[in-house]
Amino acid sequence: MKYRYIDEPLLQFGKGDHICPKFGIYTFGPFDLQKVRPEKIKLGMVGKPDSIEIILEWLELCSSHIEEKGGKNPLPNLFPNFCGFNSKVGFQCEITTDDTYQRKINNSEFEAVINKEGDLERRIEDIAQLYLDEIRYLTKNKSPDVILCILSEKFITYVKKNSQDLELDAEEVEVKRTNEELEEEEVSEKEQNFRRYLKAKAMKFGVPVQLVRDRISSPTREMQDPATIAWNFFTAVYYKAAGTPWAMLRKDLSQTTCYAGISFFKSRDKKTTQTSIAQIFNEFGKGIILRGEEVPMKKNDPVPHLTEEQAYQLLKMSLEEYYEALKIFPKRLVLHKTSNYNQAELIGFKNATKDSRVDTIDLISIQPSRIRLYREKQYPPLRGTQYTLNDKSHTLYTRGSVPFYETYPGKYIPEPLSIRLFEYDESPDLICSEILALTKMNWNNTQFDRKYPITIECARNVGEILKYLEADEVMQLKYSFYM
């Protein structure tokens, strides 16, 4: 048994490295600063007239500097100021929009749907259709890079009151996230989720959408501070407009590594289980999304597993997509999975990498750990603490006290991750260091102490959207359509 502390991983930016996305962008610019990148983002907007006006005023406000969070203990590294979204500093990019890019939905149209007879599922679909009609118009007649779907608070309140789950997820940028990621609750009814439904049905139009509440312009006490709201919102929009805000720091320039994550998701009626795979091509976060097949479930085993053929085909397709994009197969594959591997999966994955001439393979299971470590006094273990039971079994704190923040930025006792190495060619310490670095690659949030690596977060987010797509409907390959 041994303990190890992993220093906070550095990220690459345009003109330097830093551990924090906010400070890195502010000081060095986005990663693609000296490459092909968005310097102006054409923003489409869909919503009620008063909601669009609110967001337009807020966007104008955010083009300039926004003060950091105040108070007796401001924690300047956790809550820094926002540099402003303009062509001079930070992202060095600006938003452009005009009346022709703004599609207004009348109040009467909303009221007519909300007051209509029928079940909630039908009304959610009807309200989503109001947005989809305008998204269709914008993509057909204009050329937006990203489309904002602006939700009024009256609508949010209505859906929350009548649905078991609105769940705006990470796009609800103005509301503080809980300390831990919660597993999906098992419910008997068919899942109703406006965000997921709208995201899925909008894919066919080929432009990423960003959901936003109009109340972000006047945050209340339970919400994030204005500067943090702006950081999260504009980072997501920049990424969805094909920008690269930051990248992992590459140590071996000769090594081509493909990071991928596999997760399982249930259908909306909970009757079937399917797979989703999120492939992160490289340290820049460029990758594709694939949809797997239905997974056969055994009555005596609640944990889903792929058959040998399914494992082979899923990974083979992923590696072929990698080759199509980069014209070379990776030298190394790192595969993260949310459950343990069985023998059939191991054989299928290994055969797929062998046929694609991948030299090095690491097959890793990442799950919540039951092991807890304790420090003296009041703070939990440091983020980056690694406890090794043996070469194949590790506990990693990806959440915990953060020296850079000078605090533990959570409300509850942090839950570490259990890292199990079923097959590995690289050193266990390097594998754990990479997992910690990959927790910083979510461009939907600039607070870098995420719990799960982007491989797992992406695969889970993708699955939640894919369940709302029929087999014959268009699915996009880019992660920006799912976040």
Protein backbone atom coordinates (compact mmCIF):
# COMPACT_ATOMS: atom_id res chain seq x y z
CA MET A 1 0.00 0.00 0.00
CA LYS A 2 1.24 3.47 -0.82
CA TYR A 3 0.03 7.04 -1.01
CA ARG A 4 0.91 9.59 -3.67
CA TYR A 5 -0.02 13.18 -4.40
CA ILE A 6 -0.44 14.18 -8.04
CA ASP A 7 0.31 17.84 -8.72
CA GLU A 8 -2.55 19.72 -10.36
CA PRO A 9 -2.17 19.04 -14.12
CA LEU A 10 -1.25 21.96 -16.36
CA LEU A 11 -3.37 22.97 -19.33
CA GLN A 12 -2.15 24.48 -22.60
CA PHE A 13 -3.35 27.90 -23.74
CA GLY A 14 -2.46 30.16 -26.64
CA LYS A 15 0.77 31.59 -25.25
CA GLY A 16 1.48 29.62 -22.09
CA ASP A 17 0.42 27.00 -19.55
CA HIS A 18 -1.67 27.28 -16.38
CA ILE A 19 -3.59 24.96 -14.08
CA CYS A 20 -6.79 27.04 -14.19
CA PRO A 21 -8.96 27.58 -17.30
CA LYS A 22 -10.02 31.09 -16.22
CA PHE A 23 -6.54 32.39 -15.44
CA GLY A 24 -5.12 30.62 -18.47
CA ILE A 25 -7.55 32.20 -20.93
CA TYR A 26 -7.26 35.60 -19.23
CA THR A 27 -3.45 35.58 -19.29
CA PHE A 28 -2.52 33.54 -22.36
CA GLY A 29 -5.64 33.45 -24.55
CA PRO A 30 -7.44 30.32 -25.77
CA PHE A 31 -5.41 27.35 -26.97
CA ASP A 32 -6.16 28.03 -30.65
CA LEU A 33 -5.23 31.71 -30.45
CA GLN A 34 -2.59 31.41 -33.17
CA LYS A 35 -4.49 28.83 -35.21
CA VAL A 36 -7.69 28.73 -37.23
CA ARG A 37 -10.39 29.69 -34.75
CA PRO A 38 -13.60 31.70 -34.29
CA GLU A 39 -12.83 35.41 -33.98
CA LYS A 40 -16.49 36.36 -34.36
CA ILE A 41 -19.34 34.10 -33.32
CA LYS A 42 -22.61 34.56 -35.17
CA LEU A 43 -25.25 33.91 -32.55
CA GLY A 44 -28.80 32.90 -33.38
CA MET A 45 -31.44 33.43 -30.70
CA VAL A 46 -34.85 31.84 -30.15
CA GLY A 47 -37.22 32.75 -27.33
CA LYS A 48 -39.99 35.00 -26.12
CA PRO A 49 -39.47 38.68 -27.09
CA ASP A 50 -38.85 39.89 -23.53
CA SER A 51 -36.43 37.00 -22.87
CA ILE A 52 -34.41 37.84 -26.00
CA GLU A 53 -34.18 41.47 -24.91
CA ILE A 54 -32.91 40.43 -21.48
CA ILE A 55 -30.19 38.23 -22.97
CA LEU A 56 -29.15 40.88 -25.50
CA GLU A 57 -28.61 43.35 -22.67
CA TRP A 58 -26.69 40.73 -20.70
CA LEU A 59 -24.44 39.91 -23.66
CA GLU A 60 -23.62 43.58 -24.01
CA LEU A 61 -22.79 43.76 -20.30
CA CYS A 62 -20.51 40.73 -20.61
CA SER A 63 -18.49 42.30 -23.40
CA SER A 64 -16.77 44.29 -20.65
CA HIS A 65 -15.04 43.41 -17.39
CA ILE A 66 -17.21 41.90 -14.61
CA GLU A 67 -15.99 42.19 -11.02
CA GLU A 68 -15.13 39.11 -9.00
CA LYS A 69 -17.32 37.76 -6.23
CA GLY A 70 -17.07 39.91 -3.11
CA GLY A 71 -17.69 39.19 0.54
CA LYS A 72 -15.62 38.61 3.66
CA ASN A 73 -13.78 35.68 2.09
CA PRO A 74 -13.78 36.27 -1.67
CA LEU A 75 -11.41 33.39 -2.56
CA PRO A 76 -10.02 35.23 -5.61
CA ASN A 77 -8.64 32.10 -7.29
CA LEU A 78 -11.99 30.31 -7.06
CA PHE A 79 -14.11 33.32 -8.00
CA PRO A 80 -11.97 35.60 -10.20
CA ASN A 81 -13.31 38.44 -12.29
CA PHE A 82 -14.42 37.97 -15.90
CA CYS A 83 -12.21 39.63 -18.48
CA GLY A 84 -15.03 40.42 -20.86
CA PHE A 85 -15.88 38.70 -24.13
CA ASN A 86 -14.39 40.96 -26.78
CA SER A 87 -11.64 41.08 -29.40
CA LYS A 88 -9.02 42.65 -27.10
CA VAL A 89 -8.54 40.31 -24.10
CA GLY A 90 -9.17 36.76 -22.93
CA PHE A 91 -10.89 34.80 -25.68
CA GLN A 92 -10.12 37.65 -28.12
CA CYS A 93 -13.41 36.93 -29.81
CA GLU A 94 -16.74 38.72 -30.02
CA ILE A 95 -20.42 37.95 -30.41
CA THR A 96 -22.31 39.20 -33.45
CA THR A 97 -26.09 39.09 -33.91
CA ASP A 98 -28.86 41.23 -35.34
CA ASP A 99 -32.64 41.22 -35.75
CA THR A 100 -32.47 38.76 -38.62
CA TYR A 101 -30.78 36.19 -36.34
CA GLN A 102 -33.42 36.57 -33.61
CA ARG A 103 -36.59 34.50 -33.88
CA LYS A 104 -39.34 35.44 -31.45
CA ILE A 105 -41.97 33.10 -30.04
CA ASN A 106 -45.15 34.88 -28.99
CA ASN A 107 -46.37 34.66 -25.41
CA SER A 108 -49.75 33.52 -26.72
CA GLU A 109 -48.12 30.53 -28.41
CA PHE A 110 -46.57 29.42 -25.11
CA GLU A 111 -49.81 29.90 -23.21
CA ALA A 112 -51.76 27.94 -25.79
CA VAL A 113 -49.48 24.93 -25.40
CA ILE A 114 -49.28 25.07 -21.60
CA ASN A 115 -53.06 25.30 -21.26
CA LYS A 116 -53.72 22.59 -23.81
CA GLU A 117 -55.39 19.37 -22.73
CA GLY A 118 -53.21 16.29 -22.79
CA ASP A 119 -50.28 14.67 -21.03
CA LEU A 120 -47.01 16.39 -20.14
CA GLU A 121 -45.01 14.51 -22.78
CA ARG A 122 -47.14 15.94 -25.57
CA ARG A 123 -46.95 19.47 -24.19
CA ILE A 124 -43.15 19.26 -23.83
CA GLU A 125 -42.93 18.11 -27.43
CA ASP A 126 -45.24 20.94 -28.56
CA ILE A 127 -43.18 23.59 -26.75
CA ALA A 128 -39.96 22.10 -28.13
CA GLN A 129 -41.52 22.30 -31.58
CA LEU A 130 -41.94 26.07 -31.16
CA TYR A 131 -38.14 26.27 -30.80
CA LEU A 132 -37.43 23.68 -33.49
CA ASP A 133 -39.45 25.58 -36.08
CA GLU A 134 -37.36 28.70 -35.49
CA ILE A 135 -34.09 26.74 -35.39
CA ARG A 136 -35.04 25.29 -38.75
CA TYR A 137 -35.62 28.78 -40.14
CA LEU A 138 -32.27 30.10 -38.87
CA THR A 139 -30.25 27.19 -40.21
CA LYS A 140 -32.04 27.32 -43.56
CA ASN A 141 -31.90 31.08 -44.13
CA LYS A 142 -28.95 32.26 -42.02
CA SER A 143 -25.56 30.91 -40.98
CA PRO A 144 -25.36 30.95 -37.16
CA ASP A 145 -22.42 29.29 -35.43
CA VAL A 146 -24.45 28.61 -32.27
CA ILE A 147 -28.15 29.05 -31.51
CA LEU A 148 -29.31 30.17 -28.07
CA CYS A 149 -32.62 28.69 -26.93
CA ILE A 150 -33.73 31.12 -24.22
CA LEU A 151 -36.09 29.78 -21.56
CA SER A 152 -38.30 32.06 -19.51
CA GLU A 153 -38.66 31.46 -15.78
CA LYS A 154 -42.41 30.94 -16.12
CA PHE A 155 -41.78 28.02 -18.43
CA ILE A 156 -39.07 26.57 -16.19
CA THR A 157 -41.38 26.75 -13.19
CA TYR A 158 -44.17 25.08 -15.14
CA VAL A 159 -42.07 22.14 -16.30
CA LYS A 160 -40.44 21.62 -12.90
CA LYS A 161 -43.85 21.60 -11.26
CA ASN A 162 -45.27 19.05 -13.66
CA SER A 163 -42.28 16.84 -14.47
CA GLN A 164 -40.06 14.53 -12.46
CA ASP A 165 -37.01 15.94 -14.22
CA LEU A 166 -36.30 19.08 -16.19
CA GLU A 167 -32.56 18.74 -15.62
CA LEU A 168 -30.84 21.42 -17.62
CA ASP A 169 -27.60 19.70 -16.61
CA ALA A 170 -24.33 21.58 -17.13
CA GLU A 171 -25.98 24.15 -19.37
CA GLU A 172 -27.83 25.53 -16.38
CA VAL A 173 -24.73 27.63 -15.95
CA GLU A 174 -26.18 30.10 -13.50
CA VAL A 175 -27.20 27.56 -10.85
CA LYS A 176 -24.61 26.05 -8.51
CA ARG A 177 -23.98 22.36 -9.15
CA THR A 178 -24.04 19.96 -6.24
CA ASN A 179 -20.76 18.58 -5.02
CA GLU A 180 -21.28 15.11 -6.37
CA GLU A 181 -22.65 13.77 -9.63
CA LEU A 182 -25.94 12.00 -8.93
CA GLU A 183 -26.86 8.78 -10.60
CA GLU A 184 -30.09 8.74 -12.57
CA GLU A 185 -33.07 7.77 -10.43
CA GLU A 186 -35.07 4.76 -11.40
CA VAL A 187 -38.65 5.78 -12.04
CA SER A 188 -41.56 3.80 -13.38
CA GLU A 189 -42.86 6.48 -15.75
CA LYS A 190 -41.41 7.25 -19.14
CA GLU A 191 -38.70 9.88 -18.73
CA GLN A 192 -39.71 13.42 -19.69
CA ASN A 193 -36.83 15.84 -20.16
CA PHE A 194 -37.22 19.03 -22.19
CA ARG A 195 -33.51 19.73 -22.58
CA ARG A 196 -32.64 16.25 -23.80
CA TYR A 197 -35.61 16.12 -26.17
CA LEU A 198 -34.82 19.52 -27.71
CA LYS A 199 -31.11 18.70 -28.09
CA ALA A 200 -31.87 15.40 -29.79
CA LYS A 201 -34.43 16.76 -32.23
CA ALA A 202 -32.33 19.83 -33.12
CA MET A 203 -29.37 17.72 -34.30
CA LYS A 204 -30.76 17.31 -37.79
CA PHE A 205 -30.27 21.04 -38.41
CA GLY A 206 -26.50 20.80 -37.98
CA VAL A 207 -25.88 23.76 -35.62
CA PRO A 208 -25.10 23.35 -31.88
CA VAL A 209 -27.68 24.83 -29.53
CA GLN A 210 -27.15 26.29 -26.07
CA LEU A 211 -30.01 26.43 -23.58
CA VAL A 212 -29.97 29.40 -21.25
CA ARG A 213 -32.41 30.89 -18.74
CA ASP A 214 -33.21 34.56 -19.04
CA ARG A 215 -32.66 35.01 -15.30
CA ILE A 216 -28.86 34.82 -15.66
CA SER A 217 -28.92 38.58 -16.13
CA SER A 218 -30.00 39.08 -12.49
CA PRO A 219 -28.58 36.19 -10.43
CA THR A 220 -30.10 35.55 -7.03
CA ARG A 221 -28.24 34.41 -3.91
CA GLU A 222 -28.59 30.69 -4.65
CA MET A 223 -27.03 31.16 -8.08
CA GLN A 224 -23.42 31.51 -9.13
CA ASP A 225 -21.88 34.98 -9.08
CA PRO A 226 -22.08 37.04 -12.32
CA ALA A 227 -18.41 36.56 -13.25
CA THR A 228 -18.57 32.76 -12.91
CA ILE A 229 -21.79 32.66 -14.93
CA ALA A 230 -20.06 34.58 -17.72
CA TRP A 231 -16.94 32.36 -17.66
CA ASN A 232 -18.99 29.16 -17.99
CA PHE A 233 -21.37 30.50 -20.63
CA PHE A 234 -18.79 31.97 -22.99
CA THR A 235 -16.42 29.02 -22.68
CA ALA A 236 -19.23 26.69 -23.77
CA VAL A 237 -20.28 28.98 -26.63
CA TYR A 238 -16.67 29.35 -27.84
CA TYR A 239 -16.25 25.57 -27.89
CA LYS A 240 -19.58 25.04 -29.67
CA ALA A 241 -18.48 27.56 -32.30
CA ALA A 242 -15.55 25.17 -33.09
CA GLY A 243 -13.03 26.88 -30.81
CA THR A 244 -10.59 25.11 -28.48
CA PRO A 245 -10.48 26.99 -25.15
CA TRP A 246 -7.67 24.83 -23.71
CA ALA A 247 -5.91 21.50 -24.22
CA MET A 248 -4.12 18.88 -22.15
CA LEU A 249 -0.40 19.38 -21.72
CA ARG A 250 1.36 16.84 -23.93
CA LYS A 251 4.51 15.30 -22.51
CA ASP A 252 5.44 12.89 -25.29
CA LEU A 253 5.11 14.58 -28.69
CA SER A 254 5.83 11.33 -30.51
CA GLN A 255 2.97 9.45 -28.87
CA THR A 256 -0.48 9.42 -30.48
CA THR A 257 -2.98 8.46 -27.81
CA CYS A 258 -6.69 7.91 -28.26
CA TYR A 259 -8.83 8.35 -25.13
CA ALA A 260 -12.31 6.85 -25.19
CA GLY A 261 -15.13 6.28 -22.73
CA ILE A 262 -17.94 3.73 -22.71
CA SER A 263 -21.12 4.14 -20.73
CA PHE A 264 -24.52 2.47 -20.64
CA PHE A 265 -27.91 4.14 -20.69
CA LYS A 266 -31.48 2.97 -20.32
CA SER A 267 -34.22 3.75 -22.79
CA ARG A 268 -36.82 6.31 -21.74
CA ASP A 269 -39.20 3.56 -20.65
CA LYS A 270 -36.38 1.74 -18.76
CA LYS A 271 -37.01 -1.46 -20.72
CA THR A 272 -33.75 -1.69 -22.68
CA THR A 273 -30.08 -0.84 -22.07
CA GLN A 274 -27.77 0.50 -24.76
CA THR A 275 -24.18 1.68 -25.03
CA SER A 276 -22.72 5.04 -25.96
CA ILE A 277 -19.06 5.66 -26.70
CA ALA A 278 -17.38 9.02 -26.54
CA GLN A 279 -14.02 9.10 -28.22
CA ILE A 280 -11.58 11.86 -27.44
CA PHE A 281 -9.14 11.74 -30.31
CA ASN A 282 -6.27 13.53 -28.64
CA GLU A 283 -5.17 16.04 -26.05
CA PHE A 284 -7.03 18.81 -27.92
CA GLY A 285 -10.36 17.16 -27.15
CA LYS A 286 -11.30 16.56 -30.77
CA GLY A 287 -13.34 13.42 -31.16
CA ILE A 288 -16.50 11.72 -32.30
CA ILE A 289 -19.61 10.11 -30.86
CA LEU A 290 -20.82 6.61 -31.67
CA ARG A 291 -24.00 4.79 -30.72
CA GLY A 292 -23.78 1.13 -29.78
CA GLU A 293 -26.38 -1.60 -29.81
CA GLU A 294 -28.87 -2.84 -27.26
CA VAL A 295 -27.13 -4.81 -24.53
CA PRO A 296 -28.61 -8.16 -23.46
CA MET A 297 -29.30 -8.12 -19.71
CA LYS A 298 -29.16 -11.25 -17.56
CA LYS A 299 -31.66 -11.73 -14.77
CA ASN A 300 -28.96 -12.78 -12.31
CA ASP A 301 -26.59 -9.94 -13.24
CA PRO A 302 -27.79 -6.31 -12.97
CA VAL A 303 -24.53 -4.99 -14.47
CA PRO A 304 -24.69 -4.52 -18.27
CA HIS A 305 -21.96 -6.09 -20.40
CA LEU A 306 -21.21 -6.16 -24.10
CA THR A 307 -20.92 -9.42 -25.95
CA GLU A 308 -17.52 -10.22 -27.46
CA GLU A 309 -18.80 -9.27 -30.92
CA GLN A 310 -20.38 -6.03 -29.68
CA ALA A 311 -17.17 -5.02 -27.91
CA TYR A 312 -15.15 -5.77 -31.04
CA GLN A 313 -17.46 -3.92 -33.43
CA LEU A 314 -17.92 -0.85 -31.22
CA LEU A 315 -14.20 -0.30 -30.71
CA LYS A 316 -13.35 -1.22 -34.30
CA MET A 317 -15.78 1.46 -35.57
CA SER A 318 -14.28 3.96 -33.15
CA LEU A 319 -10.74 3.28 -34.32
CA GLU A 320 -11.81 3.49 -37.96
CA GLU A 321 -13.32 6.91 -37.31
CA TYR A 322 -10.03 7.92 -35.68
CA TYR A 323 -8.19 6.86 -38.82
CA GLU A 324 -10.63 8.72 -41.07
CA ALA A 325 -10.00 11.93 -39.14
CA LEU A 326 -6.22 11.73 -38.65
CA LYS A 327 -5.16 9.26 -41.38
CA ILE A 328 -3.26 7.22 -38.82
CA PHE A 329 -4.19 4.71 -36.15
CA PRO A 330 -3.22 5.65 -32.58
CA LYS A 331 -0.17 4.04 -31.04
CA ARG A 332 -1.96 3.84 -27.72
CA LEU A 333 -5.61 3.38 -26.72
CA VAL A 334 -6.95 4.29 -23.28
CA LEU A 335 -10.47 2.99 -22.72
CA HIS A 336 -12.49 4.08 -19.68
CA LYS A 337 -15.62 2.15 -18.74
CA THR A 338 -18.21 2.76 -16.02
CA SER A 339 -18.40 -0.91 -15.01
CA ASN A 340 -16.02 -3.83 -14.67
CA TYR A 341 -14.89 -5.76 -17.74
CA ASN A 342 -15.88 -9.38 -18.22
CA GLN A 343 -13.88 -11.87 -20.24
CA ALA A 344 -15.94 -11.43 -23.41
CA GLU A 345 -15.42 -7.66 -23.39
CA LEU A 346 -11.68 -8.01 -22.80
CA ILE A 347 -11.33 -10.40 -25.74
CA GLY A 348 -13.45 -8.21 -28.03
CA PHE A 349 -11.62 -4.98 -27.20
CA LYS A 350 -8.17 -6.57 -27.46
CA ASN A 351 -8.97 -8.15 -30.84
CA ALA A 352 -10.19 -4.78 -32.15
CA THR A 353 -6.96 -3.04 -31.14
CA LYS A 354 -4.89 -5.89 -32.55
CA ASP A 355 -6.63 -5.66 -35.94
CA SER A 356 -6.06 -1.87 -35.96
CA ARG A 357 -2.37 -2.31 -35.05
CA VAL A 358 -2.59 -0.40 -31.79
CA ASP A 359 0.64 -1.08 -29.90
CA THR A 360 -0.36 -0.11 -26.35
CA ILE A 361 -3.72 -0.61 -24.64
CA ASP A 362 -5.06 0.32 -21.21
CA LEU A 363 -8.51 -1.02 -20.27
CA ILE A 364 -9.70 0.78 -17.15
CA SER A 365 -12.82 0.72 -15.00
CA ILE A 366 -13.79 3.97 -13.24
CA GLN A 367 -16.45 3.79 -10.52
CA PRO A 368 -17.25 5.41 -7.17
CA SER A 369 -14.99 4.08 -4.41
CA ARG A 370 -16.05 2.85 -0.98
CA ILE A 371 -12.65 3.70 0.49
CA ARG A 372 -12.35 6.98 2.36
CA LEU A 373 -9.20 8.77 3.48
CA TYR A 374 -9.07 11.40 6.22
CA ARG A 375 -6.81 14.35 6.96
CA GLU A 376 -6.17 16.07 10.23
CA LYS A 377 -8.37 19.05 11.10
CA GLN A 378 -11.39 20.05 9.04
CA TYR A 379 -10.46 19.75 5.37
CA PRO A 380 -10.88 16.59 3.24
CA PRO A 381 -7.99 14.96 1.35
CA LEU A 382 -6.30 16.94 -1.40
CA ARG A 383 -7.56 16.57 -4.94
CA GLY A 384 -4.92 14.42 -6.60
CA THR A 385 -4.43 12.06 -3.66
CA GLN A 386 -3.81 8.53 -4.92
CA TYR A 387 -4.00 5.47 -2.69
CA THR A 388 -2.62 2.26 -4.20
CA LEU A 389 -3.75 -1.09 -2.82
CA ASN A 390 -1.93 -3.06 -5.54
CA ASP A 391 -0.83 -2.48 -9.15
CA LYS A 392 -4.35 -3.02 -10.48
CA SER A 393 -6.42 -1.30 -7.78
CA HIS A 394 -6.22 2.42 -6.97
CA THR A 395 -8.29 5.06 -5.23
CA LEU A 396 -8.08 8.58 -6.67
CA TYR A 397 -9.47 11.80 -5.22
CA THR A 398 -10.50 13.94 -8.18
CA ARG A 399 -12.53 16.11 -5.81
CA GLY A 400 -11.17 17.39 -2.52
CA SER A 401 -9.21 20.29 -1.09
CA VAL A 402 -7.58 22.34 -3.83
CA PRO A 403 -4.42 24.30 -2.87
CA PHE A 404 -4.90 26.74 -5.75
CA TYR A 405 -8.40 27.60 -4.51
CA GLU A 406 -7.19 27.63 -0.87
CA THR A 407 -10.30 25.70 0.14
CA TYR A 408 -12.44 22.66 -0.53
CA PRO A 409 -15.03 23.98 -3.04
CA GLY A 410 -17.78 21.54 -2.10
CA LYS A 411 -20.61 21.11 0.39
CA TYR A 412 -20.36 17.41 1.12
CA ILE A 413 -17.70 14.82 1.90
CA PRO A 414 -15.98 14.10 -1.43
CA GLU A 415 -16.27 10.62 -2.89
CA PRO A 416 -13.09 9.31 -4.55
CA LEU A 417 -12.95 7.13 -7.64
CA SER A 418 -12.06 3.47 -7.78
CA ILE A 419 -9.58 2.90 -10.62
CA ARG A 420 -9.24 -0.73 -11.67
CA LEU A 421 -6.76 -1.72 -14.36
CA PHE A 422 -7.97 -4.84 -16.17
CA GLU A 423 -5.35 -4.63 -18.91
CA TYR A 424 -2.55 -2.10 -18.93
CA ASP A 425 0.72 -1.44 -20.71
CA GLU A 426 1.51 2.00 -19.28
CA SER A 427 2.47 2.58 -15.65
CA PRO A 428 -0.42 2.80 -13.15
CA ASP A 429 0.83 6.17 -11.90
CA LEU A 430 0.72 7.65 -15.41
CA ILE A 431 -2.76 6.25 -15.95
CA CYS A 432 -4.03 7.88 -12.75
CA SER A 433 -2.32 11.18 -13.62
CA GLU A 434 -4.05 11.15 -17.01
CA ILE A 435 -7.43 10.54 -15.40
CA LEU A 436 -6.91 13.58 -13.19
CA ALA A 437 -5.91 15.66 -16.24
CA LEU A 438 -8.96 14.48 -18.18
CA THR A 439 -11.27 15.76 -15.42
CA LYS A 440 -10.22 19.26 -16.56
CA MET A 441 -11.32 18.78 -20.18
CA ASN A 442 -15.01 19.67 -19.81
CA TRP A 443 -15.61 22.92 -21.71
CA ASN A 444 -19.00 23.41 -20.07
CA ASN A 445 -17.50 24.46 -16.75
CA THR A 446 -14.38 26.44 -15.86
CA GLN A 447 -14.10 25.18 -12.28
CA PHE A 448 -11.50 22.51 -12.92
CA ASP A 449 -12.12 20.07 -10.05
CA ARG A 450 -14.56 17.81 -11.88
CA LYS A 451 -15.23 14.36 -10.48
CA TYR A 452 -15.12 12.25 -13.65
CA PRO A 453 -12.78 12.42 -16.66
CA ILE A 454 -14.28 13.87 -19.84
CA THR A 455 -14.32 10.38 -21.38
CA ILE A 456 -16.91 9.23 -18.84
CA GLU A 457 -18.79 12.54 -18.57
CA CYS A 458 -19.07 12.77 -22.33
CA ALA A 459 -20.24 9.17 -22.76
CA ARG A 460 -22.91 9.65 -20.09
CA ASN A 461 -24.12 12.97 -21.53
CA VAL A 462 -24.28 11.44 -24.99
CA GLY A 463 -26.36 8.52 -23.76
CA GLU A 464 -28.89 10.84 -22.11
CA ILE A 465 -29.43 12.61 -25.44
CA LEU A 466 -29.36 9.51 -27.64
CA LYS A 467 -32.28 7.94 -25.77
CA TYR A 468 -34.47 10.66 -27.31
CA LEU A 469 -33.40 9.83 -30.86
CA GLU A 470 -35.14 7.21 -32.94
CA ALA A 471 -32.94 4.74 -34.79
CA ASP A 472 -33.54 6.46 -38.15
CA GLU A 473 -33.02 10.03 -36.91
CA VAL A 474 -29.87 12.05 -37.55
CA MET A 475 -27.21 11.90 -34.85
CA GLN A 476 -24.21 14.20 -34.81
CA LEU A 477 -20.64 12.98 -34.28
CA LYS A 478 -19.37 16.07 -32.44
CA TYR A 479 -19.61 16.39 -28.66
CA SER A 480 -20.65 20.04 -28.94
CA PHE A 481 -24.14 18.87 -29.93
CA TYR A 482 -24.54 16.93 -26.67
CA MET A 483 -23.10 19.28 -24.03
